Amino acid sequence: MVKTVTGPSSYSTGGFTVTIDELERVEEAIVVASAGYMAEVASISGNTVTIKVYDFNYPATAAGPAEEVAANTDLSSVGFKIIAIGM
């Protein structure tokens, strides 16, 4: 199943949760973010998926790893597409 959501208006360090109401239990999930962000499924518990969000917060001329978005960042305009498999 595919579910599209927007991010929270105040991101919490460690990720935000999305409940996949269409499934009783999520076995596997992947997530894709819009607006230049990168996202990963940090954990799954029952039918709730925790999504951790990263950005590349450095000058374009520099190189480095993605960093988790700072706490309280407004992600309400960012779309997240979750593909979940379960029952």
PDB file of N, CA and C in Angstrom:
ATOM      1  N   MET A   1       0.827  -1.163   0.000  1.00  0.00           N
ATOM      2  CA  MET A   1       0.000   0.000   0.000  1.00  0.00           C
ATOM      3  C   MET A   1       0.875   1.231   0.000  1.00  0.00           C
ATOM      4  N   VAL A   2       0.390   2.307  -0.595  1.00  0.00           N
ATOM      5  CA  VAL A   2       1.124   3.561  -0.687  1.00  0.00           C
ATOM      6  C   VAL A   2       0.336   4.626   0.071  1.00  0.00           C
ATOM      7  N   LYS A   3       1.044   5.366   0.907  1.00  0.00           N
ATOM      8  CA  LYS A   3       0.407   6.444   1.675  1.00  0.00           C
ATOM      9  C   LYS A   3       1.273   7.689   1.531  1.00  0.00           C
ATOM     10  N   THR A   4       0.646   8.815   1.233  1.00  0.00           N
ATOM     11  CA  THR A   4       1.349  10.079   1.126  1.00  0.00           C
ATOM     12  C   THR A   4       0.896  10.990   2.258  1.00  0.00           C
ATOM     13  N   VAL A   5       1.874  11.546   2.968  1.00  0.00           N
ATOM     14  CA  VAL A   5       1.580  12.445   4.093  1.00  0.00           C
ATOM     15  C   VAL A   5       2.483  13.668   3.988  1.00  0.00           C
ATOM     16  N   THR A   6       2.157  14.701   4.743  1.00  0.00           N
ATOM     17  CA  THR A   6       3.060  15.843   4.882  1.00  0.00           C
ATOM     18  C   THR A   6       3.742  15.739   6.236  1.00  0.00           C
ATOM     19  N   GLY A   7       4.876  16.399   6.343  1.00  0.00           N
ATOM     20  CA  GLY A   7       5.635  16.358   7.581  1.00  0.00           C
ATOM     21  C   GLY A   7       4.987  17.184   8.679  1.00  0.00           C
ATOM     22  N   PRO A   8       5.536  17.087   9.877  1.00  0.00           N
ATOM     23  CA  PRO A   8       4.989  17.846  11.003  1.00  0.00           C
ATOM     24  C   PRO A   8       5.412  19.316  10.946  1.00  0.00           C
ATOM     25  N   SER A   9       4.672  20.174  11.614  1.00  0.00           N
ATOM     26  CA  SER A   9       5.037  21.589  11.671  1.00  0.00           C
ATOM     27  C   SER A   9       6.173  21.827  12.651  1.00  0.00           C
ATOM     28  N   SER A  10       6.462  20.828  13.500  1.00  0.00           N
ATOM     29  CA  SER A  10       7.573  20.932  14.444  1.00  0.00           C
ATOM     30  C   SER A  10       8.207  19.544  14.579  1.00  0.00           C
ATOM     31  N   TYR A  11       9.265  19.309  13.820  1.00  0.00           N
ATOM     32  CA  TYR A  11       9.943  18.008  13.794  1.00  0.00           C
ATOM     33  C   TYR A  11      10.591  17.710  15.146  1.00  0.00           C
ATOM     34  N   SER A  12      10.502  16.463  15.587  1.00  0.00           N
ATOM     35  CA  SER A  12      11.161  16.012  16.813  1.00  0.00           C
ATOM     36  C   SER A  12      12.387  15.190  16.454  1.00  0.00           C
ATOM     37  N   THR A  13      13.502  15.435  17.133  1.00  0.00           N
ATOM     38  CA  THR A  13      14.716  14.669  16.893  1.00  0.00           C
ATOM     39  C   THR A  13      14.409  13.184  17.031  1.00  0.00           C
ATOM     40  N   GLY A  14      14.886  12.393  16.091  1.00  0.00           N
ATOM     41  CA  GLY A  14      14.625  10.957  16.099  1.00  0.00           C
ATOM     42  C   GLY A  14      13.525  10.550  15.145  1.00  0.00           C
ATOM     43  N   GLY A  15      12.733  11.525  14.675  1.00  0.00           N
ATOM     44  CA  GLY A  15      11.725  11.218  13.681  1.00  0.00           C
ATOM     45  C   GLY A  15      10.303  11.515  14.107  1.00  0.00           C
ATOM     46  N   PHE A  16       9.395  11.399  13.143  1.00  0.00           N
ATOM     47  CA  PHE A  16       7.969  11.568  13.411  1.00  0.00           C
ATOM     48  C   PHE A  16       7.253  10.288  12.997  1.00  0.00           C
ATOM     49  N   THR A  17       6.100  10.046  13.590  1.00  0.00           N
ATOM     50  CA  THR A  17       5.391   8.795  13.339  1.00  0.00           C
ATOM     51  C   THR A  17       4.213   8.985  12.404  1.00  0.00           C
ATOM     52  N   VAL A  18       3.962   7.927  11.644  1.00  0.00           N
ATOM     53  CA  VAL A  18       2.810   7.867  10.746  1.00  0.00           C
ATOM     54  C   VAL A  18       2.142   6.524  10.988  1.00  0.00           C
ATOM     55  N   THR A  19       0.857   6.549  11.250  1.00  0.00           N
ATOM     56  CA  THR A  19       0.098   5.311  11.419  1.00  0.00           C
ATOM     57  C   THR A  19      -0.501   4.921  10.078  1.00  0.00           C
ATOM     58  N   ILE A  20      -0.249   3.685   9.678  1.00  0.00           N
ATOM     59  CA  ILE A  20      -0.782   3.151   8.428  1.00  0.00           C
ATOM     60  C   ILE A  20      -2.086   2.432   8.790  1.00  0.00           C
ATOM     61  N   ASP A  21      -3.185   3.192   8.804  1.00  0.00           N
ATOM     62  CA  ASP A  21      -4.484   2.664   9.234  1.00  0.00           C
ATOM     63  C   ASP A  21      -4.978   1.504   8.378  1.00  0.00           C
ATOM     64  N   GLU A  22      -4.533   1.459   7.131  1.00  0.00           N
ATOM     65  CA  GLU A  22      -5.004   0.428   6.214  1.00  0.00           C
ATOM     66  C   GLU A  22      -4.418  -0.957   6.525  1.00  0.00           C
ATOM     67  N   LEU A  23      -3.402  -1.009   7.367  1.00  0.00           N
ATOM     68  CA  LEU A  23      -2.768  -2.280   7.735  1.00  0.00           C
ATOM     69  C   LEU A  23      -2.815  -2.474   9.242  1.00  0.00           C
ATOM     70  N   GLU A  24      -2.923  -3.728   9.673  1.00  0.00           N
ATOM     71  CA  GLU A  24      -2.854  -4.024  11.099  1.00  0.00           C
ATOM     72  C   GLU A  24      -1.413  -4.075  11.580  1.00  0.00           C
ATOM     73  N   ARG A  25      -0.539  -4.542  10.675  1.00  0.00           N
ATOM     74  CA  ARG A  25       0.881  -4.653  11.017  1.00  0.00           C
ATOM     75  C   ARG A  25       1.719  -4.399   9.768  1.00  0.00           C
ATOM     76  N   VAL A  26       2.708  -3.540   9.897  1.00  0.00           N
ATOM     77  CA  VAL A  26       3.627  -3.256   8.797  1.00  0.00           C
ATOM     78  C   VAL A  26       4.841  -4.161   8.954  1.00  0.00           C
ATOM     79  N   GLU A  27       5.153  -4.907   7.887  1.00  0.00           N
ATOM     80  CA  GLU A  27       6.321  -5.798   7.899  1.00  0.00           C
ATOM     81  C   GLU A  27       7.561  -5.079   7.373  1.00  0.00           C
ATOM     82  N   GLU A  28       7.403  -4.336   6.299  1.00  0.00           N
ATOM     83  CA  GLU A  28       8.497  -3.595   5.662  1.00  0.00           C
ATOM     84  C   GLU A  28       7.943  -2.282   5.132  1.00  0.00           C
ATOM     85  N   ALA A  29       8.799  -1.250   5.099  1.00  0.00           N
ATOM     86  CA  ALA A  29       8.371   0.036   4.552  1.00  0.00           C
ATOM     87  C   ALA A  29       9.586   0.808   4.054  1.00  0.00           C
ATOM     88  N   ILE A  30       9.341   1.604   3.030  1.00  0.00           N
ATOM     89  CA  ILE A  30      10.339   2.557   2.557  1.00  0.00           C
ATOM     90  C   ILE A  30       9.648   3.908   2.423  1.00  0.00           C
ATOM     91  N   VAL A  31      10.445   4.960   2.432  1.00  0.00           N
ATOM     92  CA  VAL A  31       9.875   6.305   2.353  1.00  0.00           C
ATOM     93  C   VAL A  31      10.745   7.167   1.438  1.00  0.00           C
ATOM     94  N   VAL A  32      10.073   8.059   0.712  1.00  0.00           N
ATOM     95  CA  VAL A  32      10.741   9.019  -0.162  1.00  0.00           C
ATOM     96  C   VAL A  32      10.204  10.400   0.207  1.00  0.00           C
ATOM     97  N   ALA A  33      11.120  11.381   0.309  1.00  0.00           N
ATOM     98  CA  ALA A  33      10.734  12.749   0.666  1.00  0.00           C
ATOM     99  C   ALA A  33      10.867  13.668  -0.534  1.00  0.00           C
ATOM    100  N   SER A  34      10.104  14.756  -0.517  1.00  0.00           N
ATOM    101  CA  SER A  34      10.204  15.774  -1.563  1.00  0.00           C
ATOM    102  C   SER A  34      11.028  16.957  -1.054  1.00  0.00           C
ATOM    103  N   ALA A  35      11.156  17.975  -1.878  1.00  0.00           N
ATOM    104  CA  ALA A  35      11.749  19.269  -1.510  1.00  0.00           C
ATOM    105  C   ALA A  35      13.219  19.181  -1.110  1.00  0.00           C
ATOM    106  N   GLY A  36      13.955  18.207  -1.652  1.00  0.00           N
ATOM    107  CA  GLY A  36      15.381  18.124  -1.387  1.00  0.00           C
ATOM    108  C   GLY A  36      15.759  17.445  -0.096  1.00  0.00           C
ATOM    109  N   TYR A  37      14.802  16.910   0.620  1.00  0.00           N
ATOM    110  CA  TYR A  37      15.083  16.176   1.855  1.00  0.00           C
ATOM    111  C   TYR A  37      15.281  14.698   1.550  1.00  0.00           C
ATOM    112  N   MET A  38      15.936  14.012   2.460  1.00  0.00           N
ATOM    113  CA  MET A  38      16.103  12.568   2.386  1.00  0.00           C
ATOM    114  C   MET A  38      15.439  11.996   3.633  1.00  0.00           C
ATOM    115  N   ALA A  39      14.797  10.842   3.508  1.00  0.00           N
ATOM    116  CA  ALA A  39      14.115  10.250   4.649  1.00  0.00           C
ATOM    117  C   ALA A  39      14.399   8.755   4.706  1.00  0.00           C
ATOM    118  N   GLU A  40      14.303   8.206   5.911  1.00  0.00           N
ATOM    119  CA  GLU A  40      14.443   6.766   6.105  1.00  0.00           C
ATOM    120  C   GLU A  40      13.425   6.300   7.134  1.00  0.00           C
ATOM    121  N   VAL A  41      13.062   5.037   7.042  1.00  0.00           N
ATOM    122  CA  VAL A  41      12.217   4.432   8.054  1.00  0.00           C
ATOM    123  C   VAL A  41      13.144   4.064   9.209  1.00  0.00           C
ATOM    124  N   ALA A  42      12.985   4.746  10.334  1.00  0.00           N
ATOM    125  CA  ALA A  42      13.846   4.519  11.498  1.00  0.00           C
ATOM    126  C   ALA A  42      13.392   3.305  12.296  1.00  0.00           C
ATOM    127  N   SER A  43      12.065   3.089  12.359  1.00  0.00           N
ATOM    128  CA  SER A  43      11.544   1.933  13.077  1.00  0.00           C
ATOM    129  C   SER A  43      10.096   1.679  12.675  1.00  0.00           C
ATOM    130  N   ILE A  44       9.654   0.461  12.990  1.00  0.00           N
ATOM    131  CA  ILE A  44       8.268   0.047  12.747  1.00  0.00           C
ATOM    132  C   ILE A  44       7.770  -0.626  14.004  1.00  0.00           C
ATOM    133  N   SER A  45       6.590  -0.229  14.451  1.00  0.00           N
ATOM    134  CA  SER A  45       5.958  -0.856  15.608  1.00  0.00           C
ATOM    135  C   SER A  45       4.484  -1.032  15.297  1.00  0.00           C
ATOM    136  N   GLY A  46       4.060  -2.281  15.114  1.00  0.00           N
ATOM    137  CA  GLY A  46       2.668  -2.534  14.732  1.00  0.00           C
ATOM    138  C   GLY A  46       2.401  -1.928  13.370  1.00  0.00           C
ATOM    139  N   ASN A  47       1.459  -0.981  13.323  1.00  0.00           N
ATOM    140  CA  ASN A  47       1.168  -0.312  12.056  1.00  0.00           C
ATOM    141  C   ASN A  47       1.639   1.146  12.067  1.00  0.00           C
ATOM    142  N   THR A  48       2.595   1.434  12.944  1.00  0.00           N
ATOM    143  CA  THR A  48       3.154   2.780  13.042  1.00  0.00           C
ATOM    144  C   THR A  48       4.602   2.789  12.560  1.00  0.00           C
ATOM    145  N   VAL A  49       4.893   3.720  11.669  1.00  0.00           N
ATOM    146  CA  VAL A  49       6.224   3.858  11.079  1.00  0.00           C
ATOM    147  C   VAL A  49       6.829   5.165  11.587  1.00  0.00           C
ATOM    148  N   THR A  50       8.077   5.109  12.045  1.00  0.00           N
ATOM    149  CA  THR A  50       8.797   6.324  12.442  1.00  0.00           C
ATOM    150  C   THR A  50       9.713   6.729  11.300  1.00  0.00           C
ATOM    151  N   ILE A  51       9.583   7.974  10.873  1.00  0.00           N
ATOM    152  CA  ILE A  51      10.343   8.494   9.742  1.00  0.00           C
ATOM    153  C   ILE A  51      11.361   9.517  10.236  1.00  0.00           C
ATOM    154  N   LYS A  52      12.615   9.266   9.926  1.00  0.00           N
ATOM    155  CA  LYS A  52      13.704  10.176  10.277  1.00  0.00           C
ATOM    156  C   LYS A  52      14.067  10.963   9.020  1.00  0.00           C
ATOM    157  N   VAL A  53      14.226  12.278   9.164  1.00  0.00           N
ATOM    158  CA  VAL A  53      14.424  13.160   8.011  1.00  0.00           C
ATOM    159  C   VAL A  53      15.812  13.804   8.073  1.00  0.00           C
ATOM    160  N   TYR A  54      16.443  13.869   6.899  1.00  0.00           N
ATOM    161  CA  TYR A  54      17.790  14.430   6.779  1.00  0.00           C
ATOM    162  C   TYR A  54      17.817  15.520   5.721  1.00  0.00           C
ATOM    163  N   ASP A  55      18.781  16.424   5.870  1.00  0.00           N
ATOM    164  CA  ASP A  55      19.057  17.390   4.806  1.00  0.00           C
ATOM    165  C   ASP A  55      20.564  17.516   4.638  1.00  0.00           C
ATOM    166  N   PHE A  56      20.940  18.209   3.600  1.00  0.00           N
ATOM    167  CA  PHE A  56      22.348  18.423   3.291  1.00  0.00           C
ATOM    168  C   PHE A  56      22.645  19.882   3.634  1.00  0.00           C
ATOM    169  N   ASN A  57      22.858  20.144   4.913  1.00  0.00           N
ATOM    170  CA  ASN A  57      22.940  21.492   5.446  1.00  0.00           C
ATOM    171  C   ASN A  57      24.369  22.036   5.407  1.00  0.00           C
ATOM    172  N   TYR A  58      24.893  22.190   4.202  1.00  0.00           N
ATOM    173  CA  TYR A  58      26.217  22.766   4.029  1.00  0.00           C
ATOM    174  C   TYR A  58      26.302  23.361   2.627  1.00  0.00           C
ATOM    175  N   PRO A  59      27.310  24.205   2.372  1.00  0.00           N
ATOM    176  CA  PRO A  59      27.410  24.847   1.054  1.00  0.00           C
ATOM    177  C   PRO A  59      27.528  23.841  -0.078  1.00  0.00           C
ATOM    178  N   ALA A  60      27.036  24.206  -1.229  1.00  0.00           N
ATOM    179  CA  ALA A  60      27.055  23.321  -2.396  1.00  0.00           C
ATOM    180  C   ALA A  60      28.472  22.948  -2.815  1.00  0.00           C
ATOM    181  N   THR A  61      29.452  23.775  -2.473  1.00  0.00           N
ATOM    182  CA  THR A  61      30.843  23.493  -2.852  1.00  0.00           C
ATOM    183  C   THR A  61      31.518  22.516  -1.899  1.00  0.00           C
ATOM    184  N   ALA A  62      30.876  22.225  -0.777  1.00  0.00           N
ATOM    185  CA  ALA A  62      31.438  21.299   0.204  1.00  0.00           C
ATOM    186  C   ALA A  62      30.827  19.916   0.007  1.00  0.00           C
ATOM    187  N   ALA A  63      31.451  18.941   0.598  1.00  0.00           N
ATOM    188  CA  ALA A  63      30.918  17.575   0.548  1.00  0.00           C
ATOM    189  C   ALA A  63      30.790  17.068   1.978  1.00  0.00           C
ATOM    190  N   GLY A  64      29.807  16.261   2.204  1.00  0.00           N
ATOM    191  CA  GLY A  64      29.622  15.708   3.541  1.00  0.00           C
ATOM    192  C   GLY A  64      28.368  14.871   3.596  1.00  0.00           C
ATOM    193  N   PRO A  65      28.175  14.211   4.719  1.00  0.00           N
ATOM    194  CA  PRO A  65      26.995  13.362   4.863  1.00  0.00           C
ATOM    195  C   PRO A  65      25.739  14.189   5.149  1.00  0.00           C
ATOM    196  N   ALA A  66      24.610  13.597   4.887  1.00  0.00           N
ATOM    197  CA  ALA A  66      23.349  14.230   5.259  1.00  0.00           C
ATOM    198  C   ALA A  66      23.272  14.260   6.781  1.00  0.00           C
ATOM    199  N   GLU A  67      22.612  15.290   7.311  1.00  0.00           N
ATOM    200  CA  GLU A  67      22.452  15.438   8.756  1.00  0.00           C
ATOM    201  C   GLU A  67      20.970  15.438   9.084  1.00  0.00           C
ATOM    202  N   GLU A  68      20.626  14.877  10.241  1.00  0.00           N
ATOM    203  CA  GLU A  68      19.223  14.891  10.649  1.00  0.00           C
ATOM    204  C   GLU A  68      18.744  16.330  10.772  1.00  0.00           C
ATOM    205  N   VAL A  69      17.535  16.568  10.335  1.00  0.00           N
ATOM    206  CA  VAL A  69      16.910  17.887  10.420  1.00  0.00           C
ATOM    207  C   VAL A  69      16.879  18.309  11.889  1.00  0.00           C
ATOM    208  N   ALA A  70      17.094  19.580  12.135  1.00  0.00           N
ATOM    209  CA  ALA A  70      17.088  20.101  13.501  1.00  0.00           C
ATOM    210  C   ALA A  70      15.696  19.999  14.123  1.00  0.00           C
ATOM    211  N   ALA A  71      15.662  19.812  15.423  1.00  0.00           N
ATOM    212  CA  ALA A  71      14.389  19.786  16.153  1.00  0.00           C
ATOM    213  C   ALA A  71      13.643  21.091  15.892  1.00  0.00           C
ATOM    214  N   ASN A  72      12.341  21.005  15.852  1.00  0.00           N
ATOM    215  CA  ASN A  72      11.419  22.124  15.650  1.00  0.00           C
ATOM    216  C   ASN A  72      11.377  22.647  14.213  1.00  0.00           C
ATOM    217  N   THR A  73      12.055  21.990  13.275  1.00  0.00           N
ATOM    218  CA  THR A  73      11.988  22.393  11.869  1.00  0.00           C
ATOM    219  C   THR A  73      10.573  22.165  11.346  1.00  0.00           C
ATOM    220  N   ASP A  74      10.054  23.135  10.617  1.00  0.00           N
ATOM    221  CA  ASP A  74       8.717  23.029  10.027  1.00  0.00           C
ATOM    222  C   ASP A  74       8.812  22.251   8.714  1.00  0.00           C
ATOM    223  N   LEU A  75       8.268  21.044   8.694  1.00  0.00           N
ATOM    224  CA  LEU A  75       8.260  20.204   7.495  1.00  0.00           C
ATOM    225  C   LEU A  75       6.850  20.050   6.923  1.00  0.00           C
ATOM    226  N   SER A  76       5.950  20.955   7.303  1.00  0.00           N
ATOM    227  CA  SER A  76       4.551  20.822   6.886  1.00  0.00           C
ATOM    228  C   SER A  76       4.347  21.005   5.381  1.00  0.00           C
ATOM    229  N   SER A  77       5.343  21.547   4.687  1.00  0.00           N
ATOM    230  CA  SER A  77       5.219  21.692   3.236  1.00  0.00           C
ATOM    231  C   SER A  77       5.975  20.596   2.479  1.00  0.00           C
ATOM    232  N   VAL A  78       6.519  19.636   3.216  1.00  0.00           N
ATOM    233  CA  VAL A  78       7.291  18.548   2.613  1.00  0.00           C
ATOM    234  C   VAL A  78       6.422  17.295   2.531  1.00  0.00           C
ATOM    235  N   GLY A  79       6.381  16.685   1.350  1.00  0.00           N
ATOM    236  CA  GLY A  79       5.615  15.459   1.163  1.00  0.00           C
ATOM    237  C   GLY A  79       6.477  14.229   1.395  1.00  0.00           C
ATOM    238  N   PHE A  80       5.872  13.205   1.967  1.00  0.00           N
ATOM    239  CA  PHE A  80       6.542  11.933   2.212  1.00  0.00           C
ATOM    240  C   PHE A  80       5.669  10.819   1.656  1.00  0.00           C
ATOM    241  N   LYS A  81       6.217  10.020   0.759  1.00  0.00           N
ATOM    242  CA  LYS A  81       5.492   8.889   0.196  1.00  0.00           C
ATOM    243  C   LYS A  81       6.026   7.625   0.858  1.00  0.00           C
ATOM    244  N   ILE A  82       5.137   6.902   1.517  1.00  0.00           N
ATOM    245  CA  ILE A  82       5.502   5.672   2.232  1.00  0.00           C
ATOM    246  C   ILE A  82       4.932   4.481   1.475  1.00  0.00           C
ATOM    247  N   ILE A  83       5.782   3.526   1.184  1.00  0.00           N
ATOM    248  CA  ILE A  83       5.342   2.278   0.583  1.00  0.00           C
ATOM    249  C   ILE A  83       5.488   1.218   1.667  1.00  0.00           C
ATOM    250  N   ALA A  84       4.378   0.647   2.085  1.00  0.00           N
ATOM    251  CA  ALA A  84       4.372  -0.299   3.195  1.00  0.00           C
ATOM    252  C   ALA A  84       3.790  -1.638   2.774  1.00  0.00           C
ATOM    253  N   ILE A  85       4.384  -2.700   3.295  1.00  0.00           N
ATOM    254  CA  ILE A  85       3.912  -4.055   3.061  1.00  0.00           C
ATOM    255  C   ILE A  85       3.570  -4.654   4.427  1.00  0.00           C
ATOM    256  N   GLY A  86       2.437  -5.266   4.502  1.00  0.00           N
ATOM    257  CA  GLY A  86       2.023  -5.867   5.775  1.00  0.00           C
ATOM    258  C   GLY A  86       0.681  -6.557   5.635  1.00  0.00           C
ATOM    259  N   MET A  87       0.017  -6.714   6.775  1.00  0.00           N
ATOM    260  CA  MET A  87      -1.275  -7.375   6.767  1.00  0.00           C
ATOM    261  C   MET A  87      -2.301  -6.559   7.531  1.00  0.00           C
TER     262      MET A  87
END
